[in-house]
Amino acid sequence: MRQFSGRVLLRMPKELHRDLAEEAFHDGKSINQLCLEALVSRRALKQYDPWRMVERVWQANKDTPVEEVEREVATAISEVRRAKNRRRG
């Protein structure tokens, strides 16, 4: 099997290079780190199967009373809304 060095030369438009450099600077990262994060995220998304996750959640909670599930979902929604409001304010 072929050996890989772990190095890739990536050509991109100058505007994108500038935008990535600015984002990296503001995030305290290198352009390489940003690109690596994007590639790893893309790979993870390609492997993600939402129906498999739904099945796991359903299996784990199928004996839970409906009222309890509704209460937990309502609580989770409220927490997300509070967190979004804190970020805005």
PDB file of N, CA and C in Angstrom:
ATOM      1  N   MET A   1       0.837  -1.189   0.000  1.00  0.00           N
ATOM      2  CA  MET A   1       0.000   0.000   0.000  1.00  0.00           C
ATOM      3  C   MET A   1       0.882   1.253   0.000  1.00  0.00           C
ATOM      4  N   ARG A   2       0.400   2.268  -0.656  1.00  0.00           N
ATOM      5  CA  ARG A   2       1.143   3.522  -0.774  1.00  0.00           C
ATOM      6  C   ARG A   2       1.281   4.210   0.584  1.00  0.00           C
ATOM      7  N   GLN A   3       2.430   4.797   0.817  1.00  0.00           N
ATOM      8  CA  GLN A   3       2.678   5.566   2.036  1.00  0.00           C
ATOM      9  C   GLN A   3       2.274   7.027   1.803  1.00  0.00           C
ATOM     10  N   PHE A   4       1.664   7.644   2.783  1.00  0.00           N
ATOM     11  CA  PHE A   4       1.260   9.043   2.681  1.00  0.00           C
ATOM     12  C   PHE A   4       2.027   9.883   3.684  1.00  0.00           C
ATOM     13  N   SER A   5       2.404  11.086   3.264  1.00  0.00           N
ATOM     14  CA  SER A   5       3.222  11.959   4.111  1.00  0.00           C
ATOM     15  C   SER A   5       2.389  12.770   5.101  1.00  0.00           C
ATOM     16  N   GLY A   6       1.096  12.910   4.821  1.00  0.00           N
ATOM     17  CA  GLY A   6       0.275  13.764   5.680  1.00  0.00           C
ATOM     18  C   GLY A   6       0.314  15.216   5.254  1.00  0.00           C
ATOM     19  N   ARG A   7       0.897  15.474   4.122  1.00  0.00           N
ATOM     20  CA  ARG A   7       0.994  16.848   3.614  1.00  0.00           C
ATOM     21  C   ARG A   7       0.214  16.937   2.309  1.00  0.00           C
ATOM     22  N   VAL A   8      -0.527  18.049   2.151  1.00  0.00           N
ATOM     23  CA  VAL A   8      -1.306  18.289   0.936  1.00  0.00           C
ATOM     24  C   VAL A   8      -1.145  19.758   0.564  1.00  0.00           C
ATOM     25  N   LEU A   9      -0.860  20.006  -0.680  1.00  0.00           N
ATOM     26  CA  LEU A   9      -0.807  21.378  -1.179  1.00  0.00           C
ATOM     27  C   LEU A   9      -2.205  21.720  -1.670  1.00  0.00           C
ATOM     28  N   LEU A  10      -2.767  22.762  -1.144  1.00  0.00           N
ATOM     29  CA  LEU A  10      -4.133  23.149  -1.476  1.00  0.00           C
ATOM     30  C   LEU A  10      -4.122  24.519  -2.144  1.00  0.00           C
ATOM     31  N   ARG A  11      -4.643  24.574  -3.359  1.00  0.00           N
ATOM     32  CA  ARG A  11      -4.758  25.855  -4.061  1.00  0.00           C
ATOM     33  C   ARG A  11      -6.178  26.364  -3.888  1.00  0.00           C
ATOM     34  N   MET A  12      -6.295  27.678  -3.691  1.00  0.00           N
ATOM     35  CA  MET A  12      -7.609  28.282  -3.482  1.00  0.00           C
ATOM     36  C   MET A  12      -7.585  29.720  -3.972  1.00  0.00           C
ATOM     37  N   PRO A  13      -8.749  30.309  -4.178  1.00  0.00           N
ATOM     38  CA  PRO A  13      -8.803  31.713  -4.574  1.00  0.00           C
ATOM     39  C   PRO A  13      -8.197  32.607  -3.484  1.00  0.00           C
ATOM     40  N   LYS A  14      -7.604  33.701  -3.904  1.00  0.00           N
ATOM     41  CA  LYS A  14      -6.963  34.623  -2.956  1.00  0.00           C
ATOM     42  C   LYS A  14      -7.933  35.132  -1.907  1.00  0.00           C
ATOM     43  N   GLU A  15      -9.180  35.387  -2.321  1.00  0.00           N
ATOM     44  CA  GLU A  15     -10.178  35.913  -1.384  1.00  0.00           C
ATOM     45  C   GLU A  15     -10.458  34.903  -0.270  1.00  0.00           C
ATOM     46  N   LEU A  16     -10.561  33.633  -0.637  1.00  0.00           N
ATOM     47  CA  LEU A  16     -10.794  32.598   0.365  1.00  0.00           C
ATOM     48  C   LEU A  16      -9.594  32.478   1.295  1.00  0.00           C
ATOM     49  N   HIS A  17      -8.403  32.572   0.748  1.00  0.00           N
ATOM     50  CA  HIS A  17      -7.177  32.519   1.554  1.00  0.00           C
ATOM     51  C   HIS A  17      -7.189  33.652   2.582  1.00  0.00           C
ATOM     52  N   ARG A  18      -7.528  34.851   2.115  1.00  0.00           N
ATOM     53  CA  ARG A  18      -7.592  36.007   3.017  1.00  0.00           C
ATOM     54  C   ARG A  18      -8.634  35.774   4.118  1.00  0.00           C
ATOM     55  N   ASP A  19      -9.830  35.299   3.730  1.00  0.00           N
ATOM     56  CA  ASP A  19     -10.898  35.064   4.708  1.00  0.00           C
ATOM     57  C   ASP A  19     -10.490  34.020   5.742  1.00  0.00           C
ATOM     58  N   LEU A  20      -9.842  32.956   5.279  1.00  0.00           N
ATOM     59  CA  LEU A  20      -9.386  31.923   6.209  1.00  0.00           C
ATOM     60  C   LEU A  20      -8.311  32.461   7.150  1.00  0.00           C
ATOM     61  N   ALA A  21      -7.412  33.268   6.624  1.00  0.00           N
ATOM     62  CA  ALA A  21      -6.355  33.850   7.457  1.00  0.00           C
ATOM     63  C   ALA A  21      -6.958  34.739   8.538  1.00  0.00           C
ATOM     64  N   GLU A  22      -7.965  35.539   8.174  1.00  0.00           N
ATOM     65  CA  GLU A  22      -8.619  36.408   9.155  1.00  0.00           C
ATOM     66  C   GLU A  22      -9.348  35.579  10.210  1.00  0.00           C
ATOM     67  N   GLU A  23     -10.072  34.560   9.762  1.00  0.00           N
ATOM     68  CA  GLU A  23     -10.795  33.703  10.711  1.00  0.00           C
ATOM     69  C   GLU A  23      -9.825  32.997  11.652  1.00  0.00           C
ATOM     70  N   ALA A  24      -8.734  32.488  11.094  1.00  0.00           N
ATOM     71  CA  ALA A  24      -7.735  31.798  11.916  1.00  0.00           C
ATOM     72  C   ALA A  24      -7.147  32.750  12.951  1.00  0.00           C
ATOM     73  N   PHE A  25      -6.833  33.954  12.542  1.00  0.00           N
ATOM     74  CA  PHE A  25      -6.272  34.942  13.460  1.00  0.00           C
ATOM     75  C   PHE A  25      -7.244  35.232  14.592  1.00  0.00           C
ATOM     76  N   HIS A  26      -8.518  35.464  14.249  1.00  0.00           N
ATOM     77  CA  HIS A  26      -9.524  35.790  15.269  1.00  0.00           C
ATOM     78  C   HIS A  26      -9.783  34.619  16.209  1.00  0.00           C
ATOM     79  N   ASP A  27      -9.635  33.389  15.709  1.00  0.00           N
ATOM     80  CA  ASP A  27      -9.872  32.200  16.531  1.00  0.00           C
ATOM     81  C   ASP A  27      -8.611  31.719  17.250  1.00  0.00           C
ATOM     82  N   GLY A  28      -7.488  32.366  16.968  1.00  0.00           N
ATOM     83  CA  GLY A  28      -6.229  31.943  17.591  1.00  0.00           C
ATOM     84  C   GLY A  28      -5.751  30.590  17.082  1.00  0.00           C
ATOM     85  N   LYS A  29      -6.009  30.316  15.803  1.00  0.00           N
ATOM     86  CA  LYS A  29      -5.639  29.044  15.197  1.00  0.00           C
ATOM     87  C   LYS A  29      -4.846  29.303  13.931  1.00  0.00           C
ATOM     88  N   SER A  30      -4.329  28.231  13.376  1.00  0.00           N
ATOM     89  CA  SER A  30      -3.657  28.340  12.081  1.00  0.00           C
ATOM     90  C   SER A  30      -4.667  28.013  10.980  1.00  0.00           C
ATOM     91  N   ILE A  31      -4.342  28.414   9.767  1.00  0.00           N
ATOM     92  CA  ILE A  31      -5.187  28.047   8.623  1.00  0.00           C
ATOM     93  C   ILE A  31      -5.236  26.522   8.514  1.00  0.00           C
ATOM     94  N   ASN A  32      -4.129  25.880   8.786  1.00  0.00           N
ATOM     95  CA  ASN A  32      -4.083  24.423   8.736  1.00  0.00           C
ATOM     96  C   ASN A  32      -5.096  23.816   9.713  1.00  0.00           C
ATOM     97  N   GLN A  33      -5.155  24.354  10.927  1.00  0.00           N
ATOM     98  CA  GLN A  33      -6.112  23.839  11.913  1.00  0.00           C
ATOM     99  C   GLN A  33      -7.551  24.020  11.436  1.00  0.00           C
ATOM    100  N   LEU A  34      -7.852  25.182  10.856  1.00  0.00           N
ATOM    101  CA  LEU A  34      -9.210  25.422  10.349  1.00  0.00           C
ATOM    102  C   LEU A  34      -9.566  24.429   9.251  1.00  0.00           C
ATOM    103  N   CYS A  35      -8.643  24.231   8.330  1.00  0.00           N
ATOM    104  CA  CYS A  35      -8.902  23.293   7.226  1.00  0.00           C
ATOM    105  C   CYS A  35      -9.048  21.875   7.741  1.00  0.00           C
ATOM    106  N   LEU A  36      -8.220  21.479   8.681  1.00  0.00           N
ATOM    107  CA  LEU A  36      -8.306  20.137   9.236  1.00  0.00           C
ATOM    108  C   LEU A  36      -9.636  19.929   9.953  1.00  0.00           C
ATOM    109  N   GLU A  37     -10.075  20.928  10.729  1.00  0.00           N
ATOM    110  CA  GLU A  37     -11.371  20.845  11.403  1.00  0.00           C
ATOM    111  C   GLU A  37     -12.509  20.687  10.390  1.00  0.00           C
ATOM    112  N   ALA A  38     -12.433  21.438   9.298  1.00  0.00           N
ATOM    113  CA  ALA A  38     -13.479  21.360   8.272  1.00  0.00           C
ATOM    114  C   ALA A  38     -13.498  19.976   7.627  1.00  0.00           C
ATOM    115  N   LEU A  39     -12.330  19.431   7.343  1.00  0.00           N
ATOM    116  CA  LEU A  39     -12.268  18.104   6.719  1.00  0.00           C
ATOM    117  C   LEU A  39     -12.754  17.002   7.670  1.00  0.00           C
ATOM    118  N   VAL A  40     -12.371  17.097   8.928  1.00  0.00           N
ATOM    119  CA  VAL A  40     -12.816  16.107   9.912  1.00  0.00           C
ATOM    120  C   VAL A  40     -14.330  16.197  10.105  1.00  0.00           C
ATOM    121  N   SER A  41     -14.853  17.420  10.149  1.00  0.00           N
ATOM    122  CA  SER A  41     -16.301  17.607  10.297  1.00  0.00           C
ATOM    123  C   SER A  41     -17.040  17.033   9.096  1.00  0.00           C
ATOM    124  N   ARG A  42     -16.528  17.288   7.904  1.00  0.00           N
ATOM    125  CA  ARG A  42     -17.165  16.759   6.692  1.00  0.00           C
ATOM    126  C   ARG A  42     -17.182  15.239   6.713  1.00  0.00           C
ATOM    127  N   ARG A  43     -16.069  14.667   7.123  1.00  0.00           N
ATOM    128  CA  ARG A  43     -15.993  13.204   7.191  1.00  0.00           C
ATOM    129  C   ARG A  43     -16.994  12.649   8.199  1.00  0.00           C
ATOM    130  N   ALA A  44     -17.110  13.295   9.351  1.00  0.00           N
ATOM    131  CA  ALA A  44     -18.056  12.848  10.377  1.00  0.00           C
ATOM    132  C   ALA A  44     -19.488  12.966   9.881  1.00  0.00           C
ATOM    133  N   LEU A  45     -19.798  14.052   9.187  1.00  0.00           N
ATOM    134  CA  LEU A  45     -21.157  14.230   8.666  1.00  0.00           C
ATOM    135  C   LEU A  45     -21.504  13.182   7.625  1.00  0.00           C
ATOM    136  N   LYS A  46     -20.532  12.809   6.812  1.00  0.00           N
ATOM    137  CA  LYS A  46     -20.783  11.784   5.794  1.00  0.00           C
ATOM    138  C   LYS A  46     -21.079  10.432   6.436  1.00  0.00           C
ATOM    139  N   GLN A  47     -20.535  10.194   7.625  1.00  0.00           N
ATOM    140  CA  GLN A  47     -20.736   8.922   8.311  1.00  0.00           C
ATOM    141  C   GLN A  47     -21.953   8.939   9.229  1.00  0.00           C
ATOM    142  N   TYR A  48     -22.548  10.114   9.432  1.00  0.00           N
ATOM    143  CA  TYR A  48     -23.669  10.249  10.366  1.00  0.00           C
ATOM    144  C   TYR A  48     -24.959   9.731   9.749  1.00  0.00           C
ATOM    145  N   ASP A  49     -25.626   8.883  10.461  1.00  0.00           N
ATOM    146  CA  ASP A  49     -26.910   8.333  10.032  1.00  0.00           C
ATOM    147  C   ASP A  49     -27.951   8.718  11.070  1.00  0.00           C
ATOM    148  N   PRO A  50     -28.753   9.760  10.793  1.00  0.00           N
ATOM    149  CA  PRO A  50     -29.713  10.225  11.809  1.00  0.00           C
ATOM    150  C   PRO A  50     -30.726   9.155  12.197  1.00  0.00           C
ATOM    151  N   TRP A  51     -31.100   8.276  11.280  1.00  0.00           N
ATOM    152  CA  TRP A  51     -32.094   7.250  11.614  1.00  0.00           C
ATOM    153  C   TRP A  51     -31.532   6.236  12.593  1.00  0.00           C
ATOM    154  N   ARG A  52     -30.233   5.966  12.501  1.00  0.00           N
ATOM    155  CA  ARG A  52     -29.610   5.062  13.465  1.00  0.00           C
ATOM    156  C   ARG A  52     -29.656   5.677  14.866  1.00  0.00           C
ATOM    157  N   MET A  53     -29.427   7.003  14.939  1.00  0.00           N
ATOM    158  CA  MET A  53     -29.477   7.682  16.220  1.00  0.00           C
ATOM    159  C   MET A  53     -30.903   7.675  16.777  1.00  0.00           C
ATOM    160  N   VAL A  54     -31.880   7.909  15.910  1.00  0.00           N
ATOM    161  CA  VAL A  54     -33.280   7.873  16.341  1.00  0.00           C
ATOM    162  C   VAL A  54     -33.603   6.486  16.897  1.00  0.00           C
ATOM    163  N   GLU A  55     -33.157   5.456  16.227  1.00  0.00           N
ATOM    164  CA  GLU A  55     -33.402   4.080  16.684  1.00  0.00           C
ATOM    165  C   GLU A  55     -32.779   3.841  18.056  1.00  0.00           C
ATOM    166  N   ARG A  56     -31.557   4.317  18.258  1.00  0.00           N
ATOM    167  CA  ARG A  56     -30.898   4.153  19.566  1.00  0.00           C
ATOM    168  C   ARG A  56     -31.667   4.863  20.670  1.00  0.00           C
ATOM    169  N   VAL A  57     -32.091   6.091  20.406  1.00  0.00           N
ATOM    170  CA  VAL A  57     -32.844   6.848  21.405  1.00  0.00           C
ATOM    171  C   VAL A  57     -34.162   6.144  21.700  1.00  0.00           C
ATOM    172  N   TRP A  58     -34.829   5.695  20.652  1.00  0.00           N
ATOM    173  CA  TRP A  58     -36.106   5.012  20.840  1.00  0.00           C
ATOM    174  C   TRP A  58     -35.922   3.742  21.672  1.00  0.00           C
ATOM    175  N   GLN A  59     -34.915   2.948  21.341  1.00  0.00           N
ATOM    176  CA  GLN A  59     -34.659   1.705  22.081  1.00  0.00           C
ATOM    177  C   GLN A  59     -34.361   1.993  23.553  1.00  0.00           C
ATOM    178  N   ALA A  60     -33.590   3.049  23.799  1.00  0.00           N
ATOM    179  CA  ALA A  60     -33.219   3.384  25.171  1.00  0.00           C
ATOM    180  C   ALA A  60     -34.397   3.909  25.981  1.00  0.00           C
ATOM    181  N   ASN A  61     -35.419   4.441  25.307  1.00  0.00           N
ATOM    182  CA  ASN A  61     -36.526   5.096  26.019  1.00  0.00           C
ATOM    183  C   ASN A  61     -37.896   4.482  25.764  1.00  0.00           C
ATOM    184  N   LYS A  62     -37.962   3.344  25.109  1.00  0.00           N
ATOM    185  CA  LYS A  62     -39.259   2.805  24.717  1.00  0.00           C
ATOM    186  C   LYS A  62     -40.149   2.448  25.899  1.00  0.00           C
ATOM    187  N   ASP A  63     -39.579   2.215  27.079  1.00  0.00           N
ATOM    188  CA  ASP A  63     -40.380   1.893  28.254  1.00  0.00           C
ATOM    189  C   ASP A  63     -40.662   3.112  29.132  1.00  0.00           C
ATOM    190  N   THR A  64     -40.192   4.279  28.708  1.00  0.00           N
ATOM    191  CA  THR A  64     -40.408   5.514  29.467  1.00  0.00           C
ATOM    192  C   THR A  64     -41.816   6.033  29.195  1.00  0.00           C
ATOM    193  N   PRO A  65     -42.538   6.429  30.254  1.00  0.00           N
ATOM    194  CA  PRO A  65     -43.890   6.966  30.050  1.00  0.00           C
ATOM    195  C   PRO A  65     -43.865   8.214  29.157  1.00  0.00           C
ATOM    196  N   VAL A  66     -44.869   8.350  28.309  1.00  0.00           N
ATOM    197  CA  VAL A  66     -44.950   9.459  27.354  1.00  0.00           C
ATOM    198  C   VAL A  66     -44.877  10.803  28.075  1.00  0.00           C
ATOM    199  N   GLU A  67     -45.550  10.916  29.205  1.00  0.00           N
ATOM    200  CA  GLU A  67     -45.557  12.186  29.951  1.00  0.00           C
ATOM    201  C   GLU A  67     -44.154  12.600  30.365  1.00  0.00           C
ATOM    202  N   GLU A  68     -43.343  11.627  30.767  1.00  0.00           N
ATOM    203  CA  GLU A  68     -41.970  11.928  31.169  1.00  0.00           C
ATOM    204  C   GLU A  68     -41.141  12.396  29.977  1.00  0.00           C
ATOM    205  N   VAL A  69     -41.309  11.750  28.839  1.00  0.00           N
ATOM    206  CA  VAL A  69     -40.595  12.160  27.629  1.00  0.00           C
ATOM    207  C   VAL A  69     -41.007  13.571  27.235  1.00  0.00           C
ATOM    208  N   GLU A  70     -42.306  13.850  27.250  1.00  0.00           N
ATOM    209  CA  GLU A  70     -42.786  15.196  26.901  1.00  0.00           C
ATOM    210  C   GLU A  70     -42.202  16.241  27.832  1.00  0.00           C
ATOM    211  N   ARG A  71     -42.150  15.933  29.132  1.00  0.00           N
ATOM    212  CA  ARG A  71     -41.601  16.868  30.113  1.00  0.00           C
ATOM    213  C   ARG A  71     -40.113  17.113  29.848  1.00  0.00           C
ATOM    214  N   GLU A  72     -39.362  16.046  29.555  1.00  0.00           N
ATOM    215  CA  GLU A  72     -37.926  16.192  29.296  1.00  0.00           C
ATOM    216  C   GLU A  72     -37.659  16.971  28.010  1.00  0.00           C
ATOM    217  N   VAL A  73     -38.469  16.739  26.984  1.00  0.00           N
ATOM    218  CA  VAL A  73     -38.313  17.481  25.726  1.00  0.00           C
ATOM    219  C   VAL A  73     -38.611  18.956  25.955  1.00  0.00           C
ATOM    220  N   ALA A  74     -39.682  19.255  26.687  1.00  0.00           N
ATOM    221  CA  ALA A  74     -40.031  20.653  26.976  1.00  0.00           C
ATOM    222  C   ALA A  74     -38.913  21.334  27.764  1.00  0.00           C
ATOM    223  N   THR A  75     -38.334  20.628  28.717  1.00  0.00           N
ATOM    224  CA  THR A  75     -37.225  21.180  29.504  1.00  0.00           C
ATOM    225  C   THR A  75     -36.012  21.453  28.616  1.00  0.00           C
ATOM    226  N   ALA A  76     -35.700  20.515  27.729  1.00  0.00           N
ATOM    227  CA  ALA A  76     -34.554  20.694  26.827  1.00  0.00           C
ATOM    228  C   ALA A  76     -34.762  21.891  25.907  1.00  0.00           C
ATOM    229  N   ILE A  77     -35.975  22.048  25.384  1.00  0.00           N
ATOM    230  CA  ILE A  77     -36.280  23.189  24.507  1.00  0.00           C
ATOM    231  C   ILE A  77     -36.119  24.494  25.272  1.00  0.00           C
ATOM    232  N   SER A  78     -36.611  24.530  26.505  1.00  0.00           N
ATOM    233  CA  SER A  78     -36.481  25.739  27.331  1.00  0.00           C
ATOM    234  C   SER A  78     -35.017  26.085  27.586  1.00  0.00           C
ATOM    235  N   GLU A  79     -34.211  25.065  27.865  1.00  0.00           N
ATOM    236  CA  GLU A  79     -32.789  25.308  28.125  1.00  0.00           C
ATOM    237  C   GLU A  79     -32.085  25.855  26.883  1.00  0.00           C
ATOM    238  N   VAL A  80     -32.416  25.328  25.720  1.00  0.00           N
ATOM    239  CA  VAL A  80     -31.821  25.825  24.477  1.00  0.00           C
ATOM    240  C   VAL A  80     -32.215  27.276  24.249  1.00  0.00           C
ATOM    241  N   ARG A  81     -33.482  27.596  24.455  1.00  0.00           N
ATOM    242  CA  ARG A  81     -33.946  28.981  24.277  1.00  0.00           C
ATOM    243  C   ARG A  81     -33.246  29.927  25.249  1.00  0.00           C
ATOM    244  N   ARG A  82     -33.089  29.496  26.509  1.00  0.00           N
ATOM    245  CA  ARG A  82     -32.395  30.355  27.485  1.00  0.00           C
ATOM    246  C   ARG A  82     -30.950  30.577  27.073  1.00  0.00           C
ATOM    247  N   ALA A  83     -30.296  29.530  26.600  1.00  0.00           N
ATOM    248  CA  ALA A  83     -28.898  29.654  26.172  1.00  0.00           C
ATOM    249  C   ALA A  83     -28.783  30.609  24.981  1.00  0.00           C
ATOM    250  N   LYS A  84     -29.711  30.507  24.028  1.00  0.00           N
ATOM    251  CA  LYS A  84     -29.678  31.407  22.862  1.00  0.00           C
ATOM    252  C   LYS A  84     -29.886  32.848  23.311  1.00  0.00           C
ATOM    253  N   ASN A  85     -30.803  33.071  24.251  1.00  0.00           N
ATOM    254  CA  ASN A  85     -31.058  34.426  24.751  1.00  0.00           C
ATOM    255  C   ASN A  85     -29.857  34.987  25.491  1.00  0.00           C
ATOM    256  N   ARG A  86     -29.140  34.143  26.233  1.00  0.00           N
ATOM    257  CA  ARG A  86     -27.938  34.609  26.941  1.00  0.00           C
ATOM    258  C   ARG A  86     -26.869  35.039  25.952  1.00  0.00           C
ATOM    259  N   ARG A  87     -26.733  34.300  24.836  1.00  0.00           N
ATOM    260  CA  ARG A  87     -25.732  34.660  23.825  1.00  0.00           C
ATOM    261  C   ARG A  87     -26.074  35.977  23.151  1.00  0.00           C
ATOM    262  N   ARG A  88     -27.356  36.232  22.948  1.00  0.00           N
ATOM    263  CA  ARG A  88     -27.772  37.487  22.310  1.00  0.00           C
ATOM    264  C   ARG A  88     -27.561  38.677  23.224  1.00  0.00           C
ATOM    265  N   GLY A  89     -27.810  38.476  24.499  1.00  0.00           N
ATOM    266  CA  GLY A  89     -27.769  39.574  25.457  1.00  0.00           C
ATOM    267  C   GLY A  89     -26.435  39.825  26.001  1.00  0.00           C
TER     268      GLY A  89
END
